[in-house]
Amino acid sequence: MKTLVVTGHPRKNSLTAQVVDRFSGTLRETGHEVELADLHAEGFDPVLREEDEPDWNDTRKVYSPAVVGEMRRVERNEATVLIFPIYWWSFPALLKGWIDRVWNHGWAYGDATYPHRRVWLLGIAGTDQAAYAKRGYDQAMKIQLQVGILDYCGVEEGRLEILYGSIEGADYVDQILADTVRLAKAF
């Protein structure tokens, strides 16, 4: 399967980058093709401007060349995986801006649905699962990201996976990387 892996962390040596490398490498080892969209390295502009604002009366609106280029990148693949650090119980602004601009009306929702039936979100959390469950952050993220974005855009095989404990010590980091391989093999 041709898979678009989308990320956007500013540091090349981050745990997020390690997860991207491990997930992408495991996909390749199991026969998938991978295209990487590193939004930070590419200088993607996450700001939604008027030319890319949805037109609720025109589902055939032509968006900016940058957004059309991103849409074509998605379309030449068969699945999408977004890998990101969790900031404020959501995507980083760069990744959220990519969704705001690219997953647009008439292409990902409205008269159309997102082009891929399989979209996975792999979020890397700083604290452990108990901390997220204590305040319901995990459920809030599921509602916001999986229901509010993936389901809304008609993604049939949408999945949010939270990889917990990135700041909790080496054992947690090792578990995150092991879980990354397990998830890639299941993809």
N, C-alpha and C. Protein backbone atom coordinates (compact mmCIF):
# COMPACT_ATOMS: atom_id res chain seq x y z
N MET A 1 0.85 -1.17 0.00
CA MET A 1 0.00 0.00 0.00
C MET A 1 0.89 1.24 0.00
N LYS A 2 0.57 2.22 -0.80
CA LYS A 2 1.29 3.49 -0.82
C LYS A 2 0.75 4.36 0.31
N THR A 3 1.64 4.73 1.22
CA THR A 3 1.23 5.42 2.43
C THR A 3 1.95 6.75 2.56
N LEU A 4 1.18 7.80 2.80
CA LEU A 4 1.72 9.12 3.08
C LEU A 4 1.88 9.26 4.59
N VAL A 5 3.11 9.47 5.05
CA VAL A 5 3.39 9.71 6.46
C VAL A 5 3.64 11.20 6.62
N VAL A 6 2.82 11.85 7.44
CA VAL A 6 2.88 13.30 7.61
C VAL A 6 3.35 13.60 9.04
N THR A 7 4.32 14.49 9.14
CA THR A 7 4.84 14.90 10.44
C THR A 7 5.27 16.36 10.36
N GLY A 8 5.67 16.90 11.50
CA GLY A 8 6.10 18.30 11.49
C GLY A 8 6.75 18.72 12.79
N HIS A 9 7.82 18.06 13.17
CA HIS A 9 8.54 18.41 14.40
C HIS A 9 9.78 19.20 14.02
N PRO A 10 10.11 20.27 14.77
CA PRO A 10 11.27 21.08 14.38
C PRO A 10 12.63 20.43 14.60
N ARG A 11 12.73 19.41 15.45
CA ARG A 11 14.03 18.80 15.73
C ARG A 11 14.16 17.44 15.02
N LYS A 12 15.23 17.27 14.28
CA LYS A 12 15.48 16.02 13.57
C LYS A 12 15.83 14.88 14.52
N ASN A 13 16.27 15.19 15.75
CA ASN A 13 16.65 14.16 16.70
C ASN A 13 15.59 13.91 17.77
N SER A 14 14.38 14.36 17.53
CA SER A 14 13.29 14.21 18.49
C SER A 14 12.77 12.77 18.53
N LEU A 15 12.06 12.45 19.59
CA LEU A 15 11.40 11.15 19.65
C LEU A 15 10.37 11.02 18.52
N THR A 16 9.72 12.10 18.18
CA THR A 16 8.77 12.08 17.06
C THR A 16 9.48 11.63 15.78
N ALA A 17 10.67 12.17 15.53
CA ALA A 17 11.43 11.78 14.34
C ALA A 17 11.81 10.30 14.41
N GLN A 18 12.15 9.82 15.60
CA GLN A 18 12.47 8.40 15.75
C GLN A 18 11.26 7.53 15.45
N VAL A 19 10.09 7.95 15.92
CA VAL A 19 8.86 7.20 15.66
C VAL A 19 8.56 7.21 14.16
N VAL A 20 8.72 8.36 13.51
CA VAL A 20 8.51 8.45 12.06
C VAL A 20 9.44 7.47 11.35
N ASP A 21 10.71 7.49 11.71
CA ASP A 21 11.68 6.59 11.06
C ASP A 21 11.35 5.13 11.31
N ARG A 22 11.00 4.80 12.54
CA ARG A 22 10.72 3.40 12.90
C ARG A 22 9.44 2.93 12.20
N PHE A 23 8.40 3.76 12.21
CA PHE A 23 7.13 3.39 11.57
C PHE A 23 7.33 3.23 10.06
N SER A 24 7.97 4.22 9.44
CA SER A 24 8.18 4.19 7.99
C SER A 24 9.06 3.02 7.58
N GLY A 25 10.13 2.79 8.33
CA GLY A 25 11.03 1.67 8.03
C GLY A 25 10.33 0.33 8.13
N THR A 26 9.52 0.17 9.17
CA THR A 26 8.79 -1.09 9.34
C THR A 26 7.76 -1.26 8.21
N LEU A 27 7.09 -0.18 7.83
CA LEU A 27 6.16 -0.28 6.69
C LEU A 27 6.90 -0.76 5.44
N ARG A 28 8.04 -0.17 5.17
CA ARG A 28 8.82 -0.57 3.98
C ARG A 28 9.23 -2.04 4.06
N GLU A 29 9.67 -2.47 5.25
CA GLU A 29 10.08 -3.87 5.43
C GLU A 29 8.93 -4.84 5.18
N THR A 30 7.71 -4.39 5.40
CA THR A 30 6.55 -5.27 5.22
C THR A 30 5.89 -5.07 3.84
N GLY A 31 6.58 -4.36 2.94
CA GLY A 31 6.11 -4.27 1.56
C GLY A 31 5.35 -3.02 1.17
N HIS A 32 5.21 -2.08 2.06
CA HIS A 32 4.52 -0.83 1.73
C HIS A 32 5.49 0.16 1.08
N GLU A 33 4.94 1.05 0.28
CA GLU A 33 5.69 2.21 -0.21
C GLU A 33 5.36 3.37 0.72
N VAL A 34 6.35 4.20 1.03
CA VAL A 34 6.14 5.32 1.95
C VAL A 34 6.60 6.61 1.29
N GLU A 35 5.75 7.62 1.37
CA GLU A 35 6.12 8.98 1.00
C GLU A 35 6.06 9.81 2.28
N LEU A 36 7.13 10.52 2.59
CA LEU A 36 7.19 11.33 3.79
C LEU A 36 6.89 12.78 3.48
N ALA A 37 5.97 13.35 4.25
CA ALA A 37 5.69 14.78 4.20
C ALA A 37 6.13 15.37 5.53
N ASP A 38 7.34 15.93 5.56
CA ASP A 38 7.86 16.59 6.76
C ASP A 38 7.55 18.07 6.62
N LEU A 39 6.42 18.48 7.17
CA LEU A 39 5.91 19.83 6.97
C LEU A 39 6.86 20.90 7.47
N HIS A 40 7.54 20.64 8.57
CA HIS A 40 8.49 21.62 9.09
C HIS A 40 9.68 21.78 8.14
N ALA A 41 10.26 20.67 7.74
CA ALA A 41 11.42 20.73 6.83
C ALA A 41 11.05 21.35 5.49
N GLU A 42 9.82 21.15 5.05
CA GLU A 42 9.37 21.69 3.76
C GLU A 42 8.93 23.14 3.85
N GLY A 43 8.80 23.68 5.06
CA GLY A 43 8.37 25.06 5.22
C GLY A 43 6.90 25.28 4.92
N PHE A 44 6.07 24.28 5.19
CA PHE A 44 4.64 24.42 4.93
C PHE A 44 4.06 25.57 5.76
N ASP A 45 3.27 26.41 5.14
CA ASP A 45 2.61 27.53 5.82
C ASP A 45 1.26 27.06 6.35
N PRO A 46 1.09 27.00 7.68
CA PRO A 46 -0.15 26.48 8.24
C PRO A 46 -1.28 27.51 8.34
N VAL A 47 -1.02 28.74 7.97
CA VAL A 47 -2.02 29.80 8.15
C VAL A 47 -3.08 29.74 7.06
N LEU A 48 -4.33 29.63 7.48
CA LEU A 48 -5.46 29.60 6.55
C LEU A 48 -5.76 31.03 6.10
N ARG A 49 -5.57 31.27 4.83
CA ARG A 49 -5.84 32.60 4.26
C ARG A 49 -7.11 32.51 3.40
N GLU A 50 -7.59 33.64 2.97
CA GLU A 50 -8.86 33.72 2.25
C GLU A 50 -8.91 32.79 1.04
N GLU A 51 -7.82 32.66 0.29
CA GLU A 51 -7.85 31.83 -0.93
C GLU A 51 -8.08 30.35 -0.63
N ASP A 52 -7.83 29.94 0.62
CA ASP A 52 -8.04 28.54 0.98
C ASP A 52 -9.18 28.36 1.97
N GLU A 53 -9.89 29.42 2.24
CA GLU A 53 -11.05 29.34 3.13
C GLU A 53 -12.18 28.62 2.41
N PRO A 54 -12.89 27.73 3.10
CA PRO A 54 -13.99 27.01 2.44
C PRO A 54 -15.06 27.97 1.91
N ASP A 55 -15.59 27.65 0.76
CA ASP A 55 -16.73 28.37 0.20
C ASP A 55 -17.92 27.42 0.27
N TRP A 56 -18.80 27.65 1.22
CA TRP A 56 -19.91 26.73 1.47
C TRP A 56 -20.89 26.68 0.32
N ASN A 57 -20.84 27.65 -0.59
CA ASN A 57 -21.73 27.67 -1.75
C ASN A 57 -21.09 27.12 -3.01
N ASP A 58 -19.81 26.76 -2.93
CA ASP A 58 -19.09 26.28 -4.11
C ASP A 58 -18.20 25.10 -3.73
N THR A 59 -18.73 23.89 -3.89
CA THR A 59 -17.95 22.70 -3.53
C THR A 59 -16.86 22.40 -4.56
N ARG A 60 -16.82 23.14 -5.66
CA ARG A 60 -15.81 22.94 -6.68
C ARG A 60 -14.77 24.06 -6.69
N LYS A 61 -14.71 24.79 -5.61
CA LYS A 61 -13.75 25.89 -5.50
C LYS A 61 -12.33 25.36 -5.76
N VAL A 62 -11.57 26.14 -6.47
CA VAL A 62 -10.16 25.82 -6.72
C VAL A 62 -9.34 26.56 -5.66
N TYR A 63 -8.59 25.81 -4.89
CA TYR A 63 -7.80 26.38 -3.81
C TYR A 63 -6.43 26.81 -4.33
N SER A 64 -5.61 27.38 -3.45
CA SER A 64 -4.29 27.89 -3.84
C SER A 64 -3.42 26.77 -4.43
N PRO A 65 -2.43 27.13 -5.24
CA PRO A 65 -1.53 26.12 -5.80
C PRO A 65 -0.85 25.27 -4.71
N ALA A 66 -0.49 25.87 -3.58
CA ALA A 66 0.16 25.10 -2.50
C ALA A 66 -0.78 24.03 -1.97
N VAL A 67 -2.04 24.38 -1.78
CA VAL A 67 -3.02 23.43 -1.25
C VAL A 67 -3.36 22.37 -2.30
N VAL A 68 -3.52 22.77 -3.54
CA VAL A 68 -3.79 21.79 -4.60
C VAL A 68 -2.62 20.80 -4.69
N GLY A 69 -1.39 21.29 -4.53
CA GLY A 69 -0.23 20.41 -4.54
C GLY A 69 -0.27 19.39 -3.41
N GLU A 70 -0.69 19.83 -2.23
CA GLU A 70 -0.83 18.90 -1.10
C GLU A 70 -1.95 17.89 -1.36
N MET A 71 -3.04 18.34 -1.94
CA MET A 71 -4.14 17.43 -2.27
C MET A 71 -3.67 16.36 -3.24
N ARG A 72 -2.88 16.75 -4.24
CA ARG A 72 -2.37 15.78 -5.21
C ARG A 72 -1.42 14.79 -4.53
N ARG A 73 -0.64 15.29 -3.57
CA ARG A 73 0.27 14.39 -2.84
C ARG A 73 -0.54 13.35 -2.08
N VAL A 74 -1.61 13.75 -1.45
CA VAL A 74 -2.48 12.80 -0.77
C VAL A 74 -3.05 11.81 -1.78
N GLU A 75 -3.55 12.31 -2.89
CA GLU A 75 -4.23 11.48 -3.88
C GLU A 75 -3.32 10.43 -4.54
N ARG A 76 -2.03 10.67 -4.60
CA ARG A 76 -1.15 9.68 -5.21
C ARG A 76 -0.78 8.56 -4.23
N ASN A 77 -1.32 8.62 -3.04
CA ASN A 77 -1.13 7.58 -2.03
C ASN A 77 -2.47 6.91 -1.74
N GLU A 78 -2.42 5.84 -0.94
CA GLU A 78 -3.63 5.08 -0.64
C GLU A 78 -4.04 5.13 0.83
N ALA A 79 -3.16 5.63 1.67
CA ALA A 79 -3.44 5.73 3.10
C ALA A 79 -2.62 6.89 3.66
N THR A 80 -3.03 7.38 4.83
CA THR A 80 -2.33 8.48 5.49
C THR A 80 -2.06 8.10 6.93
N VAL A 81 -0.86 8.44 7.41
CA VAL A 81 -0.51 8.31 8.82
C VAL A 81 0.08 9.63 9.27
N LEU A 82 -0.50 10.23 10.30
CA LEU A 82 0.03 11.46 10.87
C LEU A 82 0.71 11.11 12.19
N ILE A 83 1.98 11.49 12.32
CA ILE A 83 2.77 11.19 13.52
C ILE A 83 3.19 12.52 14.13
N PHE A 84 2.86 12.72 15.40
CA PHE A 84 3.02 14.04 15.99
C PHE A 84 3.19 13.98 17.51
N PRO A 85 3.89 14.98 18.07
CA PRO A 85 3.88 15.12 19.52
C PRO A 85 2.55 15.75 19.92
N ILE A 86 2.03 15.36 21.04
CA ILE A 86 0.77 15.94 21.50
C ILE A 86 1.07 17.24 22.22
N TYR A 87 0.51 18.32 21.72
CA TYR A 87 0.59 19.64 22.35
C TYR A 87 -0.81 20.03 22.78
N TRP A 88 -0.99 20.33 24.04
CA TRP A 88 -2.29 20.76 24.55
C TRP A 88 -3.41 19.79 24.15
N TRP A 89 -3.14 18.53 24.21
CA TRP A 89 -4.08 17.46 23.95
C TRP A 89 -4.64 17.51 22.53
N SER A 90 -3.74 17.82 21.59
CA SER A 90 -4.13 17.89 20.19
C SER A 90 -2.88 17.86 19.31
N PHE A 91 -3.08 18.21 18.04
CA PHE A 91 -2.00 18.34 17.08
C PHE A 91 -1.17 19.59 17.39
N PRO A 92 0.10 19.62 16.98
CA PRO A 92 0.83 20.89 16.95
C PRO A 92 0.17 21.80 15.89
N ALA A 93 0.36 23.09 16.03
CA ALA A 93 -0.28 24.06 15.12
C ALA A 93 0.04 23.79 13.65
N LEU A 94 1.28 23.38 13.37
CA LEU A 94 1.68 23.13 11.98
C LEU A 94 0.83 22.03 11.36
N LEU A 95 0.62 20.95 12.08
CA LEU A 95 -0.17 19.84 11.56
C LEU A 95 -1.66 20.20 11.49
N LYS A 96 -2.14 20.92 12.49
CA LYS A 96 -3.54 21.36 12.47
C LYS A 96 -3.77 22.31 11.29
N GLY A 97 -2.80 23.17 11.03
CA GLY A 97 -2.91 24.09 9.89
C GLY A 97 -2.91 23.35 8.56
N TRP A 98 -2.17 22.24 8.48
CA TRP A 98 -2.18 21.42 7.26
C TRP A 98 -3.58 20.87 7.04
N ILE A 99 -4.20 20.39 8.10
CA ILE A 99 -5.56 19.87 7.98
C ILE A 99 -6.53 21.00 7.64
N ASP A 100 -6.41 22.13 8.31
CA ASP A 100 -7.30 23.27 8.03
C ASP A 100 -7.24 23.68 6.57
N ARG A 101 -6.05 23.72 6.01
CA ARG A 101 -5.89 24.19 4.64
C ARG A 101 -6.17 23.11 3.60
N VAL A 102 -5.70 21.89 3.84
CA VAL A 102 -5.74 20.85 2.81
C VAL A 102 -7.02 20.03 2.86
N TRP A 103 -7.45 19.63 4.03
CA TRP A 103 -8.65 18.80 4.17
C TRP A 103 -9.87 19.74 4.02
N ASN A 104 -10.09 20.20 2.82
CA ASN A 104 -11.01 21.29 2.64
C ASN A 104 -12.37 20.85 2.08
N HIS A 105 -13.31 21.77 2.16
CA HIS A 105 -14.68 21.57 1.70
C HIS A 105 -14.69 21.25 0.20
N GLY A 106 -15.44 20.22 -0.16
CA GLY A 106 -15.52 19.80 -1.56
C GLY A 106 -14.43 18.82 -1.94
N TRP A 107 -13.47 18.60 -1.02
CA TRP A 107 -12.40 17.63 -1.28
C TRP A 107 -12.33 16.57 -0.19
N ALA A 108 -12.41 16.97 1.07
CA ALA A 108 -12.36 16.02 2.19
C ALA A 108 -13.69 15.90 2.91
N TYR A 109 -14.57 16.82 2.70
CA TYR A 109 -15.91 16.77 3.30
C TYR A 109 -16.84 17.63 2.45
N GLY A 110 -18.12 17.56 2.73
CA GLY A 110 -19.12 18.23 1.90
C GLY A 110 -19.59 17.24 0.85
N ASP A 111 -19.38 17.56 -0.43
CA ASP A 111 -19.76 16.65 -1.53
C ASP A 111 -18.78 15.50 -1.70
N ALA A 112 -17.70 15.51 -0.97
CA ALA A 112 -16.67 14.48 -1.11
C ALA A 112 -16.28 13.97 0.27
N THR A 113 -15.47 12.93 0.29
CA THR A 113 -14.87 12.46 1.53
C THR A 113 -13.37 12.41 1.33
N TYR A 114 -12.63 12.37 2.43
CA TYR A 114 -11.17 12.29 2.33
C TYR A 114 -10.81 11.11 1.44
N PRO A 115 -9.83 11.25 0.55
CA PRO A 115 -9.55 10.21 -0.45
C PRO A 115 -9.13 8.85 0.09
N HIS A 116 -8.70 8.77 1.33
CA HIS A 116 -8.23 7.49 1.86
C HIS A 116 -9.21 6.91 2.86
N ARG A 117 -9.43 5.61 2.75
CA ARG A 117 -10.31 4.94 3.71
C ARG A 117 -9.58 4.63 5.00
N ARG A 118 -8.22 4.62 4.97
CA ARG A 118 -7.42 4.35 6.17
C ARG A 118 -6.56 5.56 6.51
N VAL A 119 -6.81 6.12 7.69
CA VAL A 119 -6.00 7.22 8.21
C VAL A 119 -5.75 6.93 9.68
N TRP A 120 -4.48 6.86 10.03
CA TRP A 120 -4.10 6.64 11.42
C TRP A 120 -3.41 7.88 11.96
N LEU A 121 -3.69 8.17 13.22
CA LEU A 121 -3.06 9.27 13.94
C LEU A 121 -2.24 8.66 15.07
N LEU A 122 -0.94 8.91 15.09
CA LEU A 122 -0.08 8.42 16.17
C LEU A 122 0.44 9.63 16.93
N GLY A 123 -0.13 9.84 18.12
CA GLY A 123 0.26 10.96 18.96
C GLY A 123 1.18 10.51 20.07
N ILE A 124 2.23 11.27 20.31
CA ILE A 124 3.21 10.93 21.33
C ILE A 124 2.97 11.83 22.53
N ALA A 125 2.55 11.21 23.64
CA ALA A 125 2.19 11.93 24.86
C ALA A 125 3.37 12.00 25.82
N GLY A 126 3.47 13.09 26.54
CA GLY A 126 4.54 13.23 27.51
C GLY A 126 4.36 12.36 28.73
N THR A 127 3.16 12.31 29.27
CA THR A 127 2.92 11.57 30.51
C THR A 127 2.33 10.20 30.23
N ASP A 128 2.07 9.48 31.30
CA ASP A 128 1.58 8.11 31.14
C ASP A 128 0.06 8.06 30.94
N GLN A 129 -0.42 6.88 30.65
CA GLN A 129 -1.84 6.68 30.34
C GLN A 129 -2.73 7.04 31.52
N ALA A 130 -2.29 6.76 32.73
CA ALA A 130 -3.10 7.07 33.91
C ALA A 130 -3.34 8.57 34.03
N ALA A 131 -2.34 9.37 33.71
CA ALA A 131 -2.50 10.84 33.78
C ALA A 131 -3.53 11.32 32.77
N TYR A 132 -3.53 10.74 31.58
CA TYR A 132 -4.51 11.12 30.57
C TYR A 132 -5.92 10.67 30.97
N ALA A 133 -6.03 9.46 31.46
CA ALA A 133 -7.33 8.92 31.85
C ALA A 133 -7.92 9.67 33.04
N LYS A 134 -7.07 10.11 33.95
CA LYS A 134 -7.53 10.79 35.16
C LYS A 134 -8.41 11.99 34.84
N ARG A 135 -8.03 12.74 33.83
CA ARG A 135 -8.78 13.95 33.46
C ARG A 135 -9.57 13.79 32.15
N GLY A 136 -9.54 12.61 31.57
CA GLY A 136 -10.30 12.35 30.36
C GLY A 136 -9.68 12.93 29.10
N TYR A 137 -8.38 13.26 29.15
CA TYR A 137 -7.72 13.82 27.97
C TYR A 137 -7.75 12.85 26.79
N ASP A 138 -7.59 11.56 27.08
CA ASP A 138 -7.59 10.57 26.01
C ASP A 138 -8.94 10.53 25.30
N GLN A 139 -10.02 10.59 26.06
CA GLN A 139 -11.35 10.58 25.45
C GLN A 139 -11.64 11.88 24.72
N ALA A 140 -11.17 12.99 25.29
CA ALA A 140 -11.35 14.28 24.62
C ALA A 140 -10.63 14.30 23.27
N MET A 141 -9.43 13.74 23.25
CA MET A 141 -8.69 13.67 21.99
C MET A 141 -9.40 12.78 20.98
N LYS A 142 -9.92 11.67 21.46
CA LYS A 142 -10.63 10.76 20.56
C LYS A 142 -11.83 11.47 19.93
N ILE A 143 -12.57 12.20 20.73
CA ILE A 143 -13.73 12.91 20.20
C ILE A 143 -13.30 13.99 19.23
N GLN A 144 -12.30 14.77 19.61
CA GLN A 144 -11.86 15.88 18.76
C GLN A 144 -11.23 15.38 17.46
N LEU A 145 -10.30 14.44 17.55
CA LEU A 145 -9.52 14.06 16.38
C LEU A 145 -10.14 12.93 15.57
N GLN A 146 -10.55 11.88 16.24
CA GLN A 146 -11.09 10.73 15.50
C GLN A 146 -12.52 11.00 15.05
N VAL A 147 -13.36 11.45 15.96
CA VAL A 147 -14.76 11.71 15.60
C VAL A 147 -14.88 13.02 14.82
N GLY A 148 -14.28 14.08 15.36
CA GLY A 148 -14.46 15.42 14.80
C GLY A 148 -13.77 15.64 13.47
N ILE A 149 -12.70 14.90 13.19
CA ILE A 149 -12.00 15.08 11.92
C ILE A 149 -12.15 13.84 11.04
N LEU A 150 -11.67 12.69 11.52
CA LEU A 150 -11.67 11.50 10.66
C LEU A 150 -13.09 11.05 10.30
N ASP A 151 -13.94 10.90 11.30
CA ASP A 151 -15.32 10.47 11.01
C ASP A 151 -16.05 11.51 10.17
N TYR A 152 -15.86 12.79 10.51
CA TYR A 152 -16.51 13.86 9.77
C TYR A 152 -16.12 13.85 8.29
N CYS A 153 -14.89 13.46 8.01
CA CYS A 153 -14.40 13.42 6.63
C CYS A 153 -14.60 12.06 5.96
N GLY A 154 -15.40 11.19 6.59
CA GLY A 154 -15.78 9.93 5.97
C GLY A 154 -14.69 8.88 5.93
N VAL A 155 -13.69 9.00 6.79
CA VAL A 155 -12.62 8.01 6.83
C VAL A 155 -13.16 6.74 7.48
N GLU A 156 -13.15 5.65 6.73
CA GLU A 156 -13.74 4.39 7.22
C GLU A 156 -12.87 3.67 8.23
N GLU A 157 -11.57 3.74 8.06
CA GLU A 157 -10.64 3.06 8.96
C GLU A 157 -9.78 4.10 9.68
N GLY A 158 -10.44 5.00 10.40
CA GLY A 158 -9.74 6.01 11.17
C GLY A 158 -9.35 5.47 12.53
N ARG A 159 -8.16 5.86 12.99
CA ARG A 159 -7.67 5.31 14.25
C ARG A 159 -6.75 6.32 14.91
N LEU A 160 -6.97 6.54 16.20
CA LEU A 160 -6.07 7.35 17.01
C LEU A 160 -5.36 6.44 17.99
N GLU A 161 -4.04 6.48 17.95
CA GLU A 161 -3.20 5.73 18.90
C GLU A 161 -2.36 6.73 19.66
N ILE A 162 -2.47 6.69 20.97
CA ILE A 162 -1.64 7.56 21.81
C ILE A 162 -0.51 6.71 22.39
N LEU A 163 0.71 7.14 22.15
CA LEU A 163 1.90 6.47 22.66
C LEU A 163 2.35 7.26 23.89
N TYR A 164 2.17 6.68 25.05
CA TYR A 164 2.30 7.41 26.32
C TYR A 164 3.70 7.37 26.92
N GLY A 165 4.06 8.47 27.60
CA GLY A 165 5.19 8.49 28.50
C GLY A 165 6.51 8.98 27.96
N SER A 166 6.51 9.84 26.97
CA SER A 166 7.79 10.24 26.36
C SER A 166 8.73 10.96 27.32
N ILE A 167 8.21 11.55 28.38
CA ILE A 167 9.08 12.23 29.35
C ILE A 167 9.18 11.46 30.66
N GLU A 168 8.72 10.23 30.66
CA GLU A 168 8.68 9.43 31.88
C GLU A 168 9.92 8.55 32.07
N GLY A 169 10.85 8.57 31.14
CA GLY A 169 12.07 7.79 31.29
C GLY A 169 12.33 6.84 30.14
N ALA A 170 13.52 6.24 30.16
CA ALA A 170 13.98 5.40 29.06
C ALA A 170 13.09 4.19 28.81
N ASP A 171 12.55 3.59 29.87
CA ASP A 171 11.68 2.42 29.67
C ASP A 171 10.44 2.79 28.86
N TYR A 172 9.90 3.95 29.12
CA TYR A 172 8.72 4.40 28.36
C TYR A 172 9.09 4.66 26.90
N VAL A 173 10.23 5.28 26.67
CA VAL A 173 10.67 5.54 25.30
C VAL A 173 10.86 4.23 24.55
N ASP A 174 11.49 3.25 25.21
CA ASP A 174 11.66 1.93 24.58
C ASP A 174 10.30 1.32 24.24
N GLN A 175 9.32 1.48 25.13
CA GLN A 175 7.99 0.94 24.88
C GLN A 175 7.30 1.66 23.72
N ILE A 176 7.48 2.98 23.65
CA ILE A 176 6.92 3.75 22.54
C ILE A 176 7.47 3.23 21.21
N LEU A 177 8.77 3.02 21.15
CA LEU A 177 9.38 2.54 19.91
C LEU A 177 8.95 1.11 19.58
N ALA A 178 8.80 0.27 20.60
CA ALA A 178 8.31 -1.10 20.37
C ALA A 178 6.86 -1.07 19.89
N ASP A 179 6.04 -0.21 20.49
CA ASP A 179 4.64 -0.08 20.06
C ASP A 179 4.56 0.45 18.63
N THR A 180 5.48 1.31 18.28
CA THR A 180 5.53 1.84 16.92
C THR A 180 5.72 0.72 15.89
N VAL A 181 6.64 -0.18 16.17
CA VAL A 181 6.88 -1.32 15.28
C VAL A 181 5.65 -2.21 15.21
N ARG A 182 5.05 -2.48 16.36
CA ARG A 182 3.84 -3.33 16.42
C ARG A 182 2.73 -2.71 15.57
N LEU A 183 2.53 -1.41 15.71
CA LEU A 183 1.47 -0.75 14.95
C LEU A 183 1.77 -0.78 13.45
N ALA A 184 3.01 -0.54 13.07
CA ALA A 184 3.37 -0.56 11.65
C ALA A 184 3.16 -1.94 11.05
N LYS A 185 3.48 -2.98 11.81
CA LYS A 185 3.26 -4.33 11.30
C LYS A 185 1.77 -4.64 11.14
N ALA A 186 0.94 -4.03 11.98
CA ALA A 186 -0.51 -4.24 11.91
C ALA A 186 -1.17 -3.39 10.83
N PHE A 187 -0.44 -2.40 10.31
CA PHE A 187 -1.01 -1.48 9.35
C PHE A 187 -1.34 -2.18 8.04
